[in-house]
Amino acid sequence: MTAEPTASPAHYIKDHIRTVPDWPAPGVQFRDITPLLANPRVFRVLIDQFVHRYFDVRPAAIAGLDARGFIIGSVLAYELNVGFVPIRKKGKLPFTTVEETYELEYGSATVEMHTDAVRAGDRVVLIDDLIATGGTMMAGKRLLERLGAQVIEGAAIVDLPELGGSRRLRDAGLPLFTLVDFDGH
């Protein structure tokens, strides 16, 4: 983590992502974004990449996936002066929800959002910290579209292309924007 701020933003950001070997399971190289959040200069560079990307696009809202997508998404929504929509793990939202179940490597998971979180025709950017298999982002896309929103782009800090998620999302018609790629998983 010795990159100078004069490096390209993508290299600067990538140099501040910690790799934790064998977590949460043997053979997994976990890409930990918490060092990006802890360093105010790196955090600003990170957020600015997304702000510059979406400033002229002017989405109606930013939808963030539970939980690290909340961090990036809420700051981005604030900077763009648009609403923020949390897409949470099942059972965490207090109002009427719509839900989507998706497959994981060893089972399934369900995410949900409030039924009044978006309106038909709203243009939304869907954001998370990382794209691995793409299941969570695909579920978020389906939820937003079920309520009539148009997901104009999926965004993430990290893409793990070898796991096939970004290809799967693009094949499903979702344009993607990611800042850095890592080989392996």
C-alpha atoms as a PDB file:
ATOM      1  CA  MET A   1       0.000   0.000   0.000  1.00  0.00           C
ATOM      2  CA  THR A   2       2.653   2.456  -1.069  1.00  0.00           C
ATOM      3  CA  ALA A   3       1.073   3.911  -4.195  1.00  0.00           C
ATOM      4  CA  GLU A   4       1.347   7.656  -4.556  1.00  0.00           C
ATOM      5  CA  PRO A   5      -1.791   9.677  -5.310  1.00  0.00           C
ATOM      6  CA  THR A   6      -0.226  10.635  -8.655  1.00  0.00           C
ATOM      7  CA  ALA A   7      -0.769   7.064  -9.935  1.00  0.00           C
ATOM      8  CA  SER A   8      -3.818   6.497 -12.142  1.00  0.00           C
ATOM      9  CA  PRO A   9      -6.970   6.378 -10.003  1.00  0.00           C
ATOM     10  CA  ALA A  10      -7.555   2.697 -10.810  1.00  0.00           C
ATOM     11  CA  HIS A  11      -4.000   1.704  -9.834  1.00  0.00           C
ATOM     12  CA  TYR A  12      -4.154   3.874  -6.734  1.00  0.00           C
ATOM     13  CA  ILE A  13      -7.423   2.237  -5.664  1.00  0.00           C
ATOM     14  CA  LYS A  14      -6.233  -1.290  -6.480  1.00  0.00           C
ATOM     15  CA  ASP A  15      -3.043  -0.775  -4.463  1.00  0.00           C
ATOM     16  CA  HIS A  16      -5.199  -0.056  -1.401  1.00  0.00           C
ATOM     17  CA  ILE A  17      -7.352  -3.190  -1.604  1.00  0.00           C
ATOM     18  CA  ARG A  18      -6.142  -5.834   0.825  1.00  0.00           C
ATOM     19  CA  THR A  19      -6.087  -9.483  -0.236  1.00  0.00           C
ATOM     20  CA  VAL A  20      -6.839 -11.904   2.598  1.00  0.00           C
ATOM     21  CA  PRO A  21      -5.831 -15.455   1.637  1.00  0.00           C
ATOM     22  CA  ASP A  22      -7.989 -18.439   2.566  1.00  0.00           C
ATOM     23  CA  TRP A  23     -10.947 -16.388   3.815  1.00  0.00           C
ATOM     24  CA  PRO A  24     -13.764 -17.234   4.277  1.00  0.00           C
ATOM     25  CA  ALA A  25     -12.683 -20.657   3.018  1.00  0.00           C
ATOM     26  CA  PRO A  26      -9.417 -22.303   1.951  1.00  0.00           C
ATOM     27  CA  GLY A  27      -8.353 -21.275  -1.546  1.00  0.00           C
ATOM     28  CA  VAL A  28     -10.373 -18.046  -1.601  1.00  0.00           C
ATOM     29  CA  GLN A  29      -8.482 -14.778  -2.044  1.00  0.00           C
ATOM     30  CA  PHE A  30     -10.824 -12.292  -0.341  1.00  0.00           C
ATOM     31  CA  ARG A  31     -10.600  -8.743  -1.755  1.00  0.00           C
ATOM     32  CA  ASP A  32     -11.077  -6.483   1.259  1.00  0.00           C
ATOM     33  CA  ILE A  33     -12.130  -2.895   0.497  1.00  0.00           C
ATOM     34  CA  THR A  34     -12.029  -1.664   4.107  1.00  0.00           C
ATOM     35  CA  PRO A  35      -8.569  -0.053   3.648  1.00  0.00           C
ATOM     36  CA  LEU A  36     -10.153   2.109   0.915  1.00  0.00           C
ATOM     37  CA  LEU A  37     -12.696   3.339   3.419  1.00  0.00           C
ATOM     38  CA  ALA A  38     -10.217   3.951   6.229  1.00  0.00           C
ATOM     39  CA  ASN A  39      -7.961   6.279   4.237  1.00  0.00           C
ATOM     40  CA  PRO A  40      -9.758   9.585   3.549  1.00  0.00           C
ATOM     41  CA  ARG A  41      -7.674  10.406   0.467  1.00  0.00           C
ATOM     42  CA  VAL A  42      -8.248   6.992  -1.132  1.00  0.00           C
ATOM     43  CA  PHE A  43     -11.939   7.062  -0.189  1.00  0.00           C
ATOM     44  CA  ARG A  44     -12.326  10.447  -1.913  1.00  0.00           C
ATOM     45  CA  VAL A  45     -10.527   9.198  -5.059  1.00  0.00           C
ATOM     46  CA  LEU A  46     -12.810   6.145  -5.056  1.00  0.00           C
ATOM     47  CA  ILE A  47     -16.042   8.107  -4.693  1.00  0.00           C
ATOM     48  CA  ASP A  48     -14.914  10.708  -7.231  1.00  0.00           C
ATOM     49  CA  GLN A  49     -14.533   7.969  -9.873  1.00  0.00           C
ATOM     50  CA  PHE A  50     -18.212   7.128  -9.539  1.00  0.00           C
ATOM     51  CA  VAL A  51     -19.355  10.759  -9.208  1.00  0.00           C
ATOM     52  CA  HIS A  52     -17.563  11.691 -12.434  1.00  0.00           C
ATOM     53  CA  ARG A  53     -19.058   8.660 -14.170  1.00  0.00           C
ATOM     54  CA  TYR A  54     -22.666   9.494 -13.237  1.00  0.00           C
ATOM     55  CA  PHE A  55     -22.688  13.280 -12.828  1.00  0.00           C
ATOM     56  CA  ASP A  56     -24.066  14.000 -16.302  1.00  0.00           C
ATOM     57  CA  VAL A  57     -26.166  10.824 -16.458  1.00  0.00           C
ATOM     58  CA  ARG A  58     -28.342  12.047 -13.581  1.00  0.00           C
ATOM     59  CA  PRO A  59     -30.057   8.856 -12.435  1.00  0.00           C
ATOM     60  CA  ALA A  60     -33.180   9.218 -10.287  1.00  0.00           C
ATOM     61  CA  ALA A  61     -31.588   7.046  -7.601  1.00  0.00           C
ATOM     62  CA  ILE A  62     -28.638   4.925  -6.609  1.00  0.00           C
ATOM     63  CA  ALA A  63     -29.540   1.431  -5.387  1.00  0.00           C
ATOM     64  CA  GLY A  64     -26.973  -0.184  -3.109  1.00  0.00           C
ATOM     65  CA  LEU A  65     -26.666  -3.884  -2.383  1.00  0.00           C
ATOM     66  CA  ASP A  66     -26.351  -5.052   1.225  1.00  0.00           C
ATOM     67  CA  ALA A  67     -23.996  -4.221   2.823  1.00  0.00           C
ATOM     68  CA  ARG A  68     -20.881  -2.668   1.285  1.00  0.00           C
ATOM     69  CA  GLY A  69     -22.926  -1.313  -1.606  1.00  0.00           C
ATOM     70  CA  PHE A  70     -24.650   0.846   1.026  1.00  0.00           C
ATOM     71  CA  ILE A  71     -21.386   2.577   1.869  1.00  0.00           C
ATOM     72  CA  ILE A  72     -20.431   3.520  -1.678  1.00  0.00           C
ATOM     73  CA  GLY A  73     -24.006   3.980  -2.880  1.00  0.00           C
ATOM     74  CA  SER A  74     -25.204   6.311  -0.149  1.00  0.00           C
ATOM     75  CA  VAL A  75     -22.184   8.606  -0.509  1.00  0.00           C
ATOM     76  CA  LEU A  76     -22.596   8.595  -4.292  1.00  0.00           C
ATOM     77  CA  ALA A  77     -26.314   9.406  -3.986  1.00  0.00           C
ATOM     78  CA  TYR A  78     -25.475  12.287  -1.651  1.00  0.00           C
ATOM     79  CA  GLU A  79     -22.846  13.671  -4.033  1.00  0.00           C
ATOM     80  CA  LEU A  80     -25.234  13.419  -7.008  1.00  0.00           C
ATOM     81  CA  ASN A  81     -28.162  14.825  -4.996  1.00  0.00           C
ATOM     82  CA  VAL A  82     -30.391  11.832  -5.774  1.00  0.00           C
ATOM     83  CA  GLY A  83     -32.169   9.283  -3.608  1.00  0.00           C
ATOM     84  CA  PHE A  84     -30.631   6.119  -2.198  1.00  0.00           C
ATOM     85  CA  VAL A  85     -32.404   2.741  -2.301  1.00  0.00           C
ATOM     86  CA  PRO A  86     -31.160  -0.008   0.025  1.00  0.00           C
ATOM     87  CA  ILE A  87     -31.525  -3.567  -1.267  1.00  0.00           C
ATOM     88  CA  ARG A  88     -31.228  -5.651   1.873  1.00  0.00           C
ATOM     89  CA  LYS A  89     -30.981  -9.230   2.970  1.00  0.00           C
ATOM     90  CA  LYS A  90     -34.402 -10.732   3.670  1.00  0.00           C
ATOM     91  CA  GLY A  91     -36.094  -9.720   6.896  1.00  0.00           C
ATOM     92  CA  LYS A  92     -34.282  -6.413   7.474  1.00  0.00           C
ATOM     93  CA  LEU A  93     -36.759  -3.903   6.023  1.00  0.00           C
ATOM     94  CA  PRO A  94     -39.798  -2.756   8.055  1.00  0.00           C
ATOM     95  CA  PHE A  95     -42.299  -1.870   5.294  1.00  0.00           C
ATOM     96  CA  THR A  96     -43.980  -3.842   2.505  1.00  0.00           C
ATOM     97  CA  THR A  97     -41.283  -5.453   0.360  1.00  0.00           C
ATOM     98  CA  VAL A  98     -40.703  -7.290  -2.872  1.00  0.00           C
ATOM     99  CA  GLU A  99     -38.105 -10.060  -2.790  1.00  0.00           C
ATOM    100  CA  GLU A 100     -35.845 -12.006  -5.118  1.00  0.00           C
ATOM    101  CA  THR A 101     -34.096 -15.295  -4.344  1.00  0.00           C
ATOM    102  CA  TYR A 102     -30.876 -16.216  -6.107  1.00  0.00           C
ATOM    103  CA  GLU A 103     -28.457 -19.111  -6.081  1.00  0.00           C
ATOM    104  CA  LEU A 104     -25.148 -19.128  -4.256  1.00  0.00           C
ATOM    105  CA  GLU A 105     -22.332 -21.617  -4.642  1.00  0.00           C
ATOM    106  CA  TYR A 106     -23.726 -23.646  -1.724  1.00  0.00           C
ATOM    107  CA  GLY A 107     -27.389 -22.737  -1.374  1.00  0.00           C
ATOM    108  CA  SER A 108     -29.482 -19.653  -1.969  1.00  0.00           C
ATOM    109  CA  ALA A 109     -30.095 -16.179  -0.565  1.00  0.00           C
ATOM    110  CA  THR A 110     -32.887 -13.647  -0.760  1.00  0.00           C
ATOM    111  CA  VAL A 111     -32.741  -9.863  -1.045  1.00  0.00           C
ATOM    112  CA  GLU A 112     -35.614  -7.432  -0.807  1.00  0.00           C
ATOM    113  CA  MET A 113     -36.525  -3.782  -1.123  1.00  0.00           C
ATOM    114  CA  HIS A 114     -39.488  -1.620  -0.232  1.00  0.00           C
ATOM    115  CA  THR A 115     -42.279  -1.614  -2.789  1.00  0.00           C
ATOM    116  CA  ASP A 116     -42.275   2.184  -2.850  1.00  0.00           C
ATOM    117  CA  ALA A 117     -38.489   2.592  -3.217  1.00  0.00           C
ATOM    118  CA  VAL A 118     -38.649   3.428  -6.942  1.00  0.00           C
ATOM    119  CA  ARG A 119     -41.308   4.472  -9.403  1.00  0.00           C
ATOM    120  CA  ALA A 120     -41.980   3.144 -12.871  1.00  0.00           C
ATOM    121  CA  GLY A 121     -39.586   4.779 -15.313  1.00  0.00           C
ATOM    122  CA  ASP A 122     -36.969   5.767 -12.711  1.00  0.00           C
ATOM    123  CA  ARG A 123     -33.448   5.474 -14.076  1.00  0.00           C
ATOM    124  CA  VAL A 124     -31.299   3.748 -11.433  1.00  0.00           C
ATOM    125  CA  VAL A 125     -27.626   2.864 -11.008  1.00  0.00           C
ATOM    126  CA  LEU A 126     -27.150  -0.381  -9.066  1.00  0.00           C
ATOM    127  CA  ILE A 127     -23.930  -0.525  -7.033  1.00  0.00           C
ATOM    128  CA  ASP A 128     -21.964  -3.013  -4.941  1.00  0.00           C
ATOM    129  CA  ASP A 129     -18.379  -3.391  -3.834  1.00  0.00           C
ATOM    130  CA  LEU A 130     -17.544  -6.466  -5.899  1.00  0.00           C
ATOM    131  CA  ILE A 131     -18.834  -8.654  -8.717  1.00  0.00           C
ATOM    132  CA  ALA A 132     -18.042 -12.338  -8.257  1.00  0.00           C
ATOM    133  CA  THR A 133     -20.688 -14.715  -9.631  1.00  0.00           C
ATOM    134  CA  GLY A 134     -23.120 -11.855 -10.276  1.00  0.00           C
ATOM    135  CA  GLY A 135     -26.034 -13.398  -8.360  1.00  0.00           C
ATOM    136  CA  THR A 136     -26.610 -10.528  -5.941  1.00  0.00           C
ATOM    137  CA  MET A 137     -26.467  -7.846  -8.620  1.00  0.00           C
ATOM    138  CA  MET A 138     -28.743  -9.869 -10.906  1.00  0.00           C
ATOM    139  CA  ALA A 139     -31.265 -10.208  -8.069  1.00  0.00           C
ATOM    140  CA  GLY A 140     -31.102  -6.446  -7.434  1.00  0.00           C
ATOM    141  CA  LYS A 141     -31.629  -5.752 -11.127  1.00  0.00           C
ATOM    142  CA  ARG A 142     -34.689  -8.011 -11.194  1.00  0.00           C
ATOM    143  CA  LEU A 143     -36.179  -6.315  -8.116  1.00  0.00           C
ATOM    144  CA  LEU A 144     -35.761  -2.846  -9.567  1.00  0.00           C
ATOM    145  CA  GLU A 145     -37.183  -3.887 -12.927  1.00  0.00           C
ATOM    146  CA  ARG A 146     -40.119  -5.651 -11.274  1.00  0.00           C
ATOM    147  CA  LEU A 147     -41.100  -2.251  -9.831  1.00  0.00           C
ATOM    148  CA  GLY A 148     -40.734  -0.604 -13.248  1.00  0.00           C
ATOM    149  CA  ALA A 149     -37.344   1.053 -12.826  1.00  0.00           C
ATOM    150  CA  GLN A 150     -34.753   1.065 -15.590  1.00  0.00           C
ATOM    151  CA  VAL A 151     -31.337  -0.099 -14.364  1.00  0.00           C
ATOM    152  CA  ILE A 152     -29.045   2.025 -16.519  1.00  0.00           C
ATOM    153  CA  GLU A 153     -25.837   0.445 -15.242  1.00  0.00           C
ATOM    154  CA  GLY A 154     -24.408  -1.877 -12.640  1.00  0.00           C
ATOM    155  CA  ALA A 155     -21.299  -0.570 -10.895  1.00  0.00           C
ATOM    156  CA  ALA A 156     -18.694  -2.035  -8.566  1.00  0.00           C
ATOM    157  CA  ILE A 157     -15.237  -1.308  -7.294  1.00  0.00           C
ATOM    158  CA  VAL A 158     -13.878  -4.793  -8.055  1.00  0.00           C
ATOM    159  CA  ASP A 159     -14.595  -7.328 -10.773  1.00  0.00           C
ATOM    160  CA  LEU A 160     -13.453 -10.941 -10.448  1.00  0.00           C
ATOM    161  CA  PRO A 161     -13.886 -11.882 -14.126  1.00  0.00           C
ATOM    162  CA  GLU A 162     -12.747 -15.493 -13.712  1.00  0.00           C
ATOM    163  CA  LEU A 163     -15.874 -16.197 -11.659  1.00  0.00           C
ATOM    164  CA  GLY A 164     -18.067 -15.238 -14.633  1.00  0.00           C
ATOM    165  CA  GLY A 165     -20.396 -12.776 -12.929  1.00  0.00           C
ATOM    166  CA  SER A 166     -19.605  -9.770 -15.094  1.00  0.00           C
ATOM    167  CA  ARG A 167     -20.042 -11.839 -18.264  1.00  0.00           C
ATOM    168  CA  ARG A 168     -23.336 -13.221 -16.942  1.00  0.00           C
ATOM    169  CA  LEU A 169     -24.624  -9.724 -16.108  1.00  0.00           C
ATOM    170  CA  ARG A 170     -23.624  -8.302 -19.492  1.00  0.00           C
ATOM    171  CA  ASP A 171     -25.243 -11.293 -21.225  1.00  0.00           C
ATOM    172  CA  ALA A 172     -28.441 -10.405 -19.328  1.00  0.00           C
ATOM    173  CA  GLY A 173     -28.292  -6.898 -20.820  1.00  0.00           C
ATOM    174  CA  LEU A 174     -26.838  -4.998 -17.865  1.00  0.00           C
ATOM    175  CA  PRO A 175     -24.081  -2.539 -18.784  1.00  0.00           C
ATOM    176  CA  LEU A 176     -21.316  -2.636 -16.165  1.00  0.00           C
ATOM    177  CA  PHE A 177     -18.732  -0.203 -14.845  1.00  0.00           C
ATOM    178  CA  THR A 178     -15.968  -1.467 -12.570  1.00  0.00           C
ATOM    179  CA  LEU A 179     -12.801   0.230 -11.411  1.00  0.00           C
ATOM    180  CA  VAL A 180     -10.382  -2.686 -11.008  1.00  0.00           C
ATOM    181  CA  ASP A 181     -10.103  -6.371 -11.928  1.00  0.00           C
ATOM    182  CA  PHE A 182      -8.379  -9.130  -9.993  1.00  0.00           C
ATOM    183  CA  ASP A 183      -7.355 -12.467 -11.459  1.00  0.00           C
ATOM    184  CA  GLY A 184      -8.443 -15.496  -9.473  1.00  0.00           C
ATOM    185  CA  HIS A 185     -11.022 -15.464  -6.736  1.00  0.00           C
END
